[in-house]
């Protein structure tokens, strides 16, 4: 069995990136974290928090909507 490199697909996005979360929410109709992680850190939530923190420096944020 030969494994295919997922980065060769045109639809591939970097896991746990802003684009990845948008794709997940588009597919599911909302953002859900439906799996049980086996690692405590880093995980999807902590990576997402870091990404949001990077793009909101010096701003007041009430909510983050990845669907836009």
PDB file of N, CA and C in Angstrom:
ATOM      1  N   UNK A   1       0.839  -1.183   0.000  1.00  0.00           N
ATOM      2  CA  UNK A   1       0.000   0.000   0.000  1.00  0.00           C
ATOM      3  C   UNK A   1       0.883   1.245   0.000  1.00  0.00           C
ATOM      4  N   UNK A   2       0.604   2.135  -0.905  1.00  0.00           N
ATOM      5  CA  UNK A   2       1.371   3.367  -0.989  1.00  0.00           C
ATOM      6  C   UNK A   2       0.552   4.512  -0.393  1.00  0.00           C
ATOM      7  N   UNK A   3       1.169   5.265   0.499  1.00  0.00           N
ATOM      8  CA  UNK A   3       0.498   6.412   1.096  1.00  0.00           C
ATOM      9  C   UNK A   3       0.677   7.633   0.207  1.00  0.00           C
ATOM     10  N   UNK A   4      -0.357   8.447   0.137  1.00  0.00           N
ATOM     11  CA  UNK A   4      -0.314   9.665  -0.671  1.00  0.00           C
ATOM     12  C   UNK A   4      -0.021  10.854   0.226  1.00  0.00           C
ATOM     13  N   UNK A   5       0.866  11.695  -0.222  1.00  0.00           N
ATOM     14  CA  UNK A   5       1.197  12.909   0.515  1.00  0.00           C
ATOM     15  C   UNK A   5       0.002  13.859   0.443  1.00  0.00           C
ATOM     16  N   UNK A   6      -0.646  14.174   1.572  1.00  0.00           N
ATOM     17  CA  UNK A   6      -1.856  15.009   1.532  1.00  0.00           C
ATOM     18  C   UNK A   6      -1.594  16.430   1.039  1.00  0.00           C
ATOM     19  N   UNK A   7      -0.364  16.898   1.150  1.00  0.00           N
ATOM     20  CA  UNK A   7      -0.066  18.262   0.692  1.00  0.00           C
ATOM     21  C   UNK A   7      -0.117  18.406  -0.817  1.00  0.00           C
ATOM     22  N   UNK A   8      -0.214  17.292  -1.540  1.00  0.00           N
ATOM     23  CA  UNK A   8      -0.291  17.352  -3.002  1.00  0.00           C
ATOM     24  C   UNK A   8      -1.703  17.608  -3.517  1.00  0.00           C
ATOM     25  N   UNK A   9      -2.706  17.497  -2.655  1.00  0.00           N
ATOM     26  CA  UNK A   9      -4.084  17.742  -3.061  1.00  0.00           C
ATOM     27  C   UNK A   9      -4.350  19.245  -3.112  1.00  0.00           C
ATOM     28  N   UNK A  10      -5.094  19.700  -4.113  1.00  0.00           N
ATOM     29  CA  UNK A  10      -5.375  21.130  -4.252  1.00  0.00           C
ATOM     30  C   UNK A  10      -6.226  21.666  -3.097  1.00  0.00           C
ATOM     31  N   UNK A  11      -7.022  20.811  -2.456  1.00  0.00           N
ATOM     32  CA  UNK A  11      -7.885  21.247  -1.353  1.00  0.00           C
ATOM     33  C   UNK A  11      -7.175  21.259  -0.009  1.00  0.00           C
ATOM     34  N   UNK A  12      -5.920  20.785   0.052  1.00  0.00           N
ATOM     35  CA  UNK A  12      -5.214  20.648   1.320  1.00  0.00           C
ATOM     36  C   UNK A  12      -4.907  22.002   1.932  1.00  0.00           C
ATOM     37  N   UNK A  13      -5.157  22.127   3.230  1.00  0.00           N
ATOM     38  CA  UNK A  13      -4.773  23.320   3.992  1.00  0.00           C
ATOM     39  C   UNK A  13      -3.994  22.870   5.227  1.00  0.00           C
ATOM     40  N   UNK A  14      -3.138  23.738   5.714  1.00  0.00           N
ATOM     41  CA  UNK A  14      -2.314  23.434   6.881  1.00  0.00           C
ATOM     42  C   UNK A  14      -3.214  23.128   8.078  1.00  0.00           C
ATOM     43  N   UNK A  15      -3.043  21.967   8.715  1.00  0.00           N
ATOM     44  CA  UNK A  15      -3.864  21.643   9.886  1.00  0.00           C
ATOM     45  C   UNK A  15      -3.742  22.701  10.983  1.00  0.00           C
ATOM     46  N   UNK A  16      -4.846  22.977  11.604  1.00  0.00           N
ATOM     47  CA  UNK A  16      -4.966  23.911  12.721  1.00  0.00           C
ATOM     48  C   UNK A  16      -4.590  25.345  12.353  1.00  0.00           C
ATOM     49  N   UNK A  17      -4.705  25.684  11.075  1.00  0.00           N
ATOM     50  CA  UNK A  17      -4.531  27.065  10.633  1.00  0.00           C
ATOM     51  C   UNK A  17      -5.920  27.712  10.585  1.00  0.00           C
ATOM     52  N   UNK A  18      -5.947  29.010  10.400  1.00  0.00           N
ATOM     53  CA  UNK A  18      -7.228  29.713  10.278  1.00  0.00           C
ATOM     54  C   UNK A  18      -8.035  29.116   9.123  1.00  0.00           C
ATOM     55  N   UNK A  19      -7.368  28.845   8.017  1.00  0.00           N
ATOM     56  CA  UNK A  19      -8.058  28.267   6.856  1.00  0.00           C
ATOM     57  C   UNK A  19      -8.611  26.883   7.170  1.00  0.00           C
ATOM     58  N   UNK A  20      -7.864  26.101   7.955  1.00  0.00           N
ATOM     59  CA  UNK A  20      -8.295  24.756   8.329  1.00  0.00           C
ATOM     60  C   UNK A  20      -9.571  24.819   9.171  1.00  0.00           C
ATOM     61  N   UNK A  21      -9.597  25.729  10.151  1.00  0.00           N
ATOM     62  CA  UNK A  21     -10.798  25.870  10.982  1.00  0.00           C
ATOM     63  C   UNK A  21     -11.982  26.376  10.163  1.00  0.00           C
ATOM     64  N   UNK A  22     -11.735  27.276   9.201  1.00  0.00           N
ATOM     65  CA  UNK A  22     -12.825  27.746   8.344  1.00  0.00           C
ATOM     66  C   UNK A  22     -13.373  26.585   7.523  1.00  0.00           C
ATOM     67  N   UNK A  23     -12.481  25.767   6.952  1.00  0.00           N
ATOM     68  CA  UNK A  23     -12.909  24.610   6.180  1.00  0.00           C
ATOM     69  C   UNK A  23     -13.717  23.654   7.053  1.00  0.00           C
ATOM     70  N   UNK A  24     -13.261  23.409   8.262  1.00  0.00           N
ATOM     71  CA  UNK A  24     -13.979  22.533   9.193  1.00  0.00           C
ATOM     72  C   UNK A  24     -15.370  23.072   9.497  1.00  0.00           C
ATOM     73  N   UNK A  25     -15.457  24.376   9.751  1.00  0.00           N
ATOM     74  CA  UNK A  25     -16.770  24.952  10.056  1.00  0.00           C
ATOM     75  C   UNK A  25     -17.682  24.951   8.833  1.00  0.00           C
ATOM     76  N   UNK A  26     -17.117  25.155   7.629  1.00  0.00           N
ATOM     77  CA  UNK A  26     -17.925  25.097   6.403  1.00  0.00           C
ATOM     78  C   UNK A  26     -18.488  23.694   6.180  1.00  0.00           C
ATOM     79  N   UNK A  27     -17.684  22.685   6.421  1.00  0.00           N
ATOM     80  CA  UNK A  27     -18.118  21.297   6.229  1.00  0.00           C
ATOM     81  C   UNK A  27     -19.173  20.908   7.254  1.00  0.00           C
ATOM     82  N   UNK A  28     -18.958  21.279   8.514  1.00  0.00           N
ATOM     83  CA  UNK A  28     -19.851  20.884   9.602  1.00  0.00           C
ATOM     84  C   UNK A  28     -21.053  21.821   9.768  1.00  0.00           C
ATOM     85  N   UNK A  29     -20.975  23.020   9.198  1.00  0.00           N
ATOM     86  CA  UNK A  29     -22.030  24.004   9.402  1.00  0.00           C
ATOM     87  C   UNK A  29     -21.802  24.825  10.655  1.00  0.00           C
ATOM     88  N   UNK A  30     -20.805  24.451  11.428  1.00  0.00           N
ATOM     89  CA  UNK A  30     -20.400  25.167  12.639  1.00  0.00           C
ATOM     90  C   UNK A  30     -19.072  24.567  13.077  1.00  0.00           C
ATOM     91  N   UNK A  31     -18.388  25.270  13.964  1.00  0.00           N
ATOM     92  CA  UNK A  31     -17.134  24.717  14.476  1.00  0.00           C
ATOM     93  C   UNK A  31     -17.450  23.780  15.636  1.00  0.00           C
ATOM     94  N   UNK A  32     -17.052  22.531  15.492  1.00  0.00           N
ATOM     95  CA  UNK A  32     -17.189  21.572  16.584  1.00  0.00           C
ATOM     96  C   UNK A  32     -15.869  20.841  16.753  1.00  0.00           C
ATOM     97  N   UNK A  33     -15.550  20.528  17.951  1.00  0.00           N
ATOM     98  CA  UNK A  33     -14.328  19.797  18.279  1.00  0.00           C
ATOM     99  C   UNK A  33     -14.790  18.435  18.748  1.00  0.00           C
ATOM    100  N   UNK A  34     -15.003  17.539  17.782  1.00  0.00           N
ATOM    101  CA  UNK A  34     -15.724  16.291  18.076  1.00  0.00           C
ATOM    102  C   UNK A  34     -14.831  15.112  18.423  1.00  0.00           C
ATOM    103  N   UNK A  35     -13.547  15.327  18.592  1.00  0.00           N
ATOM    104  CA  UNK A  35     -12.676  14.205  18.913  1.00  0.00           C
ATOM    105  C   UNK A  35     -12.050  14.396  20.286  1.00  0.00           C
ATOM    106  N   UNK A  36     -11.596  13.336  20.862  1.00  0.00           N
ATOM    107  CA  UNK A  36     -10.943  13.386  22.159  1.00  0.00           C
ATOM    108  C   UNK A  36      -9.433  13.355  21.955  1.00  0.00           C
ATOM    109  N   UNK A  37      -8.747  14.449  22.299  1.00  0.00           N
ATOM    110  CA  UNK A  37      -7.315  14.486  22.069  1.00  0.00           C
ATOM    111  C   UNK A  37      -6.561  13.561  23.030  1.00  0.00           C
ATOM    112  N   UNK A  38      -5.446  13.044  22.563  1.00  0.00           N
ATOM    113  CA  UNK A  38      -4.598  12.238  23.435  1.00  0.00           C
ATOM    114  C   UNK A  38      -3.422  13.052  23.963  1.00  0.00           C
ATOM    115  N   UNK A  39      -3.169  14.215  23.367  1.00  0.00           N
ATOM    116  CA  UNK A  39      -2.131  15.123  23.842  1.00  0.00           C
ATOM    117  C   UNK A  39      -2.791  16.326  24.492  1.00  0.00           C
ATOM    118  N   UNK A  40      -2.247  16.762  25.602  1.00  0.00           N
ATOM    119  CA  UNK A  40      -2.839  17.924  26.253  1.00  0.00           C
ATOM    120  C   UNK A  40      -2.383  19.231  25.620  1.00  0.00           C
ATOM    121  N   UNK A  41      -1.147  19.345  25.209  1.00  0.00           N
ATOM    122  CA  UNK A  41      -0.610  20.544  24.572  1.00  0.00           C
ATOM    123  C   UNK A  41       0.492  20.152  23.607  1.00  0.00           C
ATOM    124  N   UNK A  42       0.624  20.777  22.480  1.00  0.00           N
ATOM    125  CA  UNK A  42      -0.363  21.689  21.910  1.00  0.00           C
ATOM    126  C   UNK A  42      -1.536  20.906  21.345  1.00  0.00           C
ATOM    127  N   UNK A  43      -2.672  21.532  21.354  1.00  0.00           N
ATOM    128  CA  UNK A  43      -3.859  20.921  20.757  1.00  0.00           C
ATOM    129  C   UNK A  43      -4.543  21.959  19.871  1.00  0.00           C
ATOM    130  N   UNK A  44      -5.581  21.553  19.208  1.00  0.00           N
ATOM    131  CA  UNK A  44      -6.274  22.457  18.292  1.00  0.00           C
ATOM    132  C   UNK A  44      -6.738  23.741  18.940  1.00  0.00           C
ATOM    133  N   UNK A  45      -7.235  23.628  20.152  1.00  0.00           N
ATOM    134  CA  UNK A  45      -7.725  24.814  20.844  1.00  0.00           C
ATOM    135  C   UNK A  45      -6.589  25.774  21.185  1.00  0.00           C
ATOM    136  N   UNK A  46      -5.485  25.260  21.696  1.00  0.00           N
ATOM    137  CA  UNK A  46      -4.380  26.146  22.070  1.00  0.00           C
ATOM    138  C   UNK A  46      -3.730  26.766  20.830  1.00  0.00           C
ATOM    139  N   UNK A  47      -3.642  26.009  19.741  1.00  0.00           N
ATOM    140  CA  UNK A  47      -3.090  26.552  18.501  1.00  0.00           C
ATOM    141  C   UNK A  47      -4.013  27.637  17.946  1.00  0.00           C
ATOM    142  N   UNK A  48      -5.311  27.391  17.980  1.00  0.00           N
ATOM    143  CA  UNK A  48      -6.280  28.384  17.522  1.00  0.00           C
ATOM    144  C   UNK A  48      -6.173  29.652  18.367  1.00  0.00           C
ATOM    145  N   UNK A  49      -6.078  29.499  19.678  1.00  0.00           N
ATOM    146  CA  UNK A  49      -5.930  30.661  20.560  1.00  0.00           C
ATOM    147  C   UNK A  49      -4.698  31.483  20.198  1.00  0.00           C
ATOM    148  N   UNK A  50      -3.583  30.818  19.901  1.00  0.00           N
ATOM    149  CA  UNK A  50      -2.357  31.531  19.531  1.00  0.00           C
ATOM    150  C   UNK A  50      -2.528  32.263  18.209  1.00  0.00           C
ATOM    151  N   UNK A  51      -3.195  31.630  17.236  1.00  0.00           N
ATOM    152  CA  UNK A  51      -3.424  32.277  15.939  1.00  0.00           C
ATOM    153  C   UNK A  51      -4.309  33.511  16.099  1.00  0.00           C
ATOM    154  N   UNK A  52      -5.360  33.398  16.893  1.00  0.00           N
ATOM    155  CA  UNK A  52      -6.262  34.533  17.118  1.00  0.00           C
ATOM    156  C   UNK A  52      -5.515  35.650  17.839  1.00  0.00           C
ATOM    157  N   UNK A  53      -4.705  35.288  18.814  1.00  0.00           N
ATOM    158  CA  UNK A  53      -3.937  36.285  19.551  1.00  0.00           C
ATOM    159  C   UNK A  53      -3.015  37.070  18.619  1.00  0.00           C
ATOM    160  N   UNK A  54      -2.402  36.372  17.653  1.00  0.00           N
ATOM    161  CA  UNK A  54      -1.503  37.042  16.712  1.00  0.00           C
ATOM    162  C   UNK A  54      -2.225  38.097  15.873  1.00  0.00           C
ATOM    163  N   UNK A  55      -3.451  37.799  15.456  1.00  0.00           N
ATOM    164  CA  UNK A  55      -4.154  38.720  14.551  1.00  0.00           C
ATOM    165  C   UNK A  55      -4.987  39.773  15.281  1.00  0.00           C
ATOM    166  N   UNK A  56      -5.007  39.713  16.615  1.00  0.00           N
ATOM    167  CA  UNK A  56      -5.820  40.673  17.363  1.00  0.00           C
ATOM    168  C   UNK A  56      -4.992  41.542  18.310  1.00  0.00           C
ATOM    169  N   UNK A  57      -3.682  41.587  18.106  1.00  0.00           N
ATOM    170  CA  UNK A  57      -2.816  42.388  18.971  1.00  0.00           C
ATOM    171  C   UNK A  57      -3.257  43.850  18.930  1.00  0.00           C
ATOM    172  N   UNK A  58      -3.445  44.441  20.099  1.00  0.00           N
ATOM    173  CA  UNK A  58      -3.836  45.846  20.188  1.00  0.00           C
ATOM    174  C   UNK A  58      -5.298  46.115  19.890  1.00  0.00           C
ATOM    175  N   UNK A  59      -6.107  45.086  19.813  1.00  0.00           N
ATOM    176  CA  UNK A  59      -7.533  45.238  19.502  1.00  0.00           C
ATOM    177  C   UNK A  59      -8.373  44.671  20.634  1.00  0.00           C
ATOM    178  N   UNK A  60      -9.574  45.166  20.755  1.00  0.00           N
ATOM    179  CA  UNK A  60     -10.549  44.589  21.676  1.00  0.00           C
ATOM    180  C   UNK A  60     -11.416  43.635  20.867  1.00  0.00           C
ATOM    181  N   UNK A  61     -11.527  42.400  21.332  1.00  0.00           N
ATOM    182  CA  UNK A  61     -12.263  41.380  20.595  1.00  0.00           C
ATOM    183  C   UNK A  61     -13.414  40.873  21.449  1.00  0.00           C
ATOM    184  N   UNK A  62     -14.603  40.912  20.888  1.00  0.00           N
ATOM    185  CA  UNK A  62     -15.782  40.412  21.576  1.00  0.00           C
ATOM    186  C   UNK A  62     -16.079  38.979  21.184  1.00  0.00           C
ATOM    187  N   UNK A  63     -15.794  38.638  19.921  1.00  0.00           N
ATOM    188  CA  UNK A  63     -16.107  37.312  19.404  1.00  0.00           C
ATOM    189  C   UNK A  63     -15.224  37.036  18.191  1.00  0.00           C
ATOM    190  N   UNK A  64     -14.979  35.790  17.925  1.00  0.00           N
ATOM    191  CA  UNK A  64     -14.208  35.403  16.751  1.00  0.00           C
ATOM    192  C   UNK A  64     -15.090  34.518  15.895  1.00  0.00           C
ATOM    193  N   UNK A  65     -15.293  34.929  14.656  1.00  0.00           N
ATOM    194  CA  UNK A  65     -16.127  34.179  13.718  1.00  0.00           C
ATOM    195  C   UNK A  65     -15.246  33.726  12.579  1.00  0.00           C
ATOM    196  N   UNK A  66     -15.022  32.418  12.458  1.00  0.00           N
ATOM    197  CA  UNK A  66     -14.170  31.894  11.399  1.00  0.00           C
ATOM    198  C   UNK A  66     -14.933  31.659  10.100  1.00  0.00           C
ATOM    199  N   UNK A  67     -16.219  31.937  10.083  1.00  0.00           N
ATOM    200  CA  UNK A  67     -17.034  31.653   8.903  1.00  0.00           C
ATOM    201  C   UNK A  67     -17.006  32.781   7.875  1.00  0.00           C
ATOM    202  N   UNK A  68     -16.354  33.876   8.170  1.00  0.00           N
ATOM    203  CA  UNK A  68     -16.378  35.007   7.212  1.00  0.00           C
ATOM    204  C   UNK A  68     -15.333  34.899   6.149  1.00  0.00           C
TER     205      UNK A  68
END
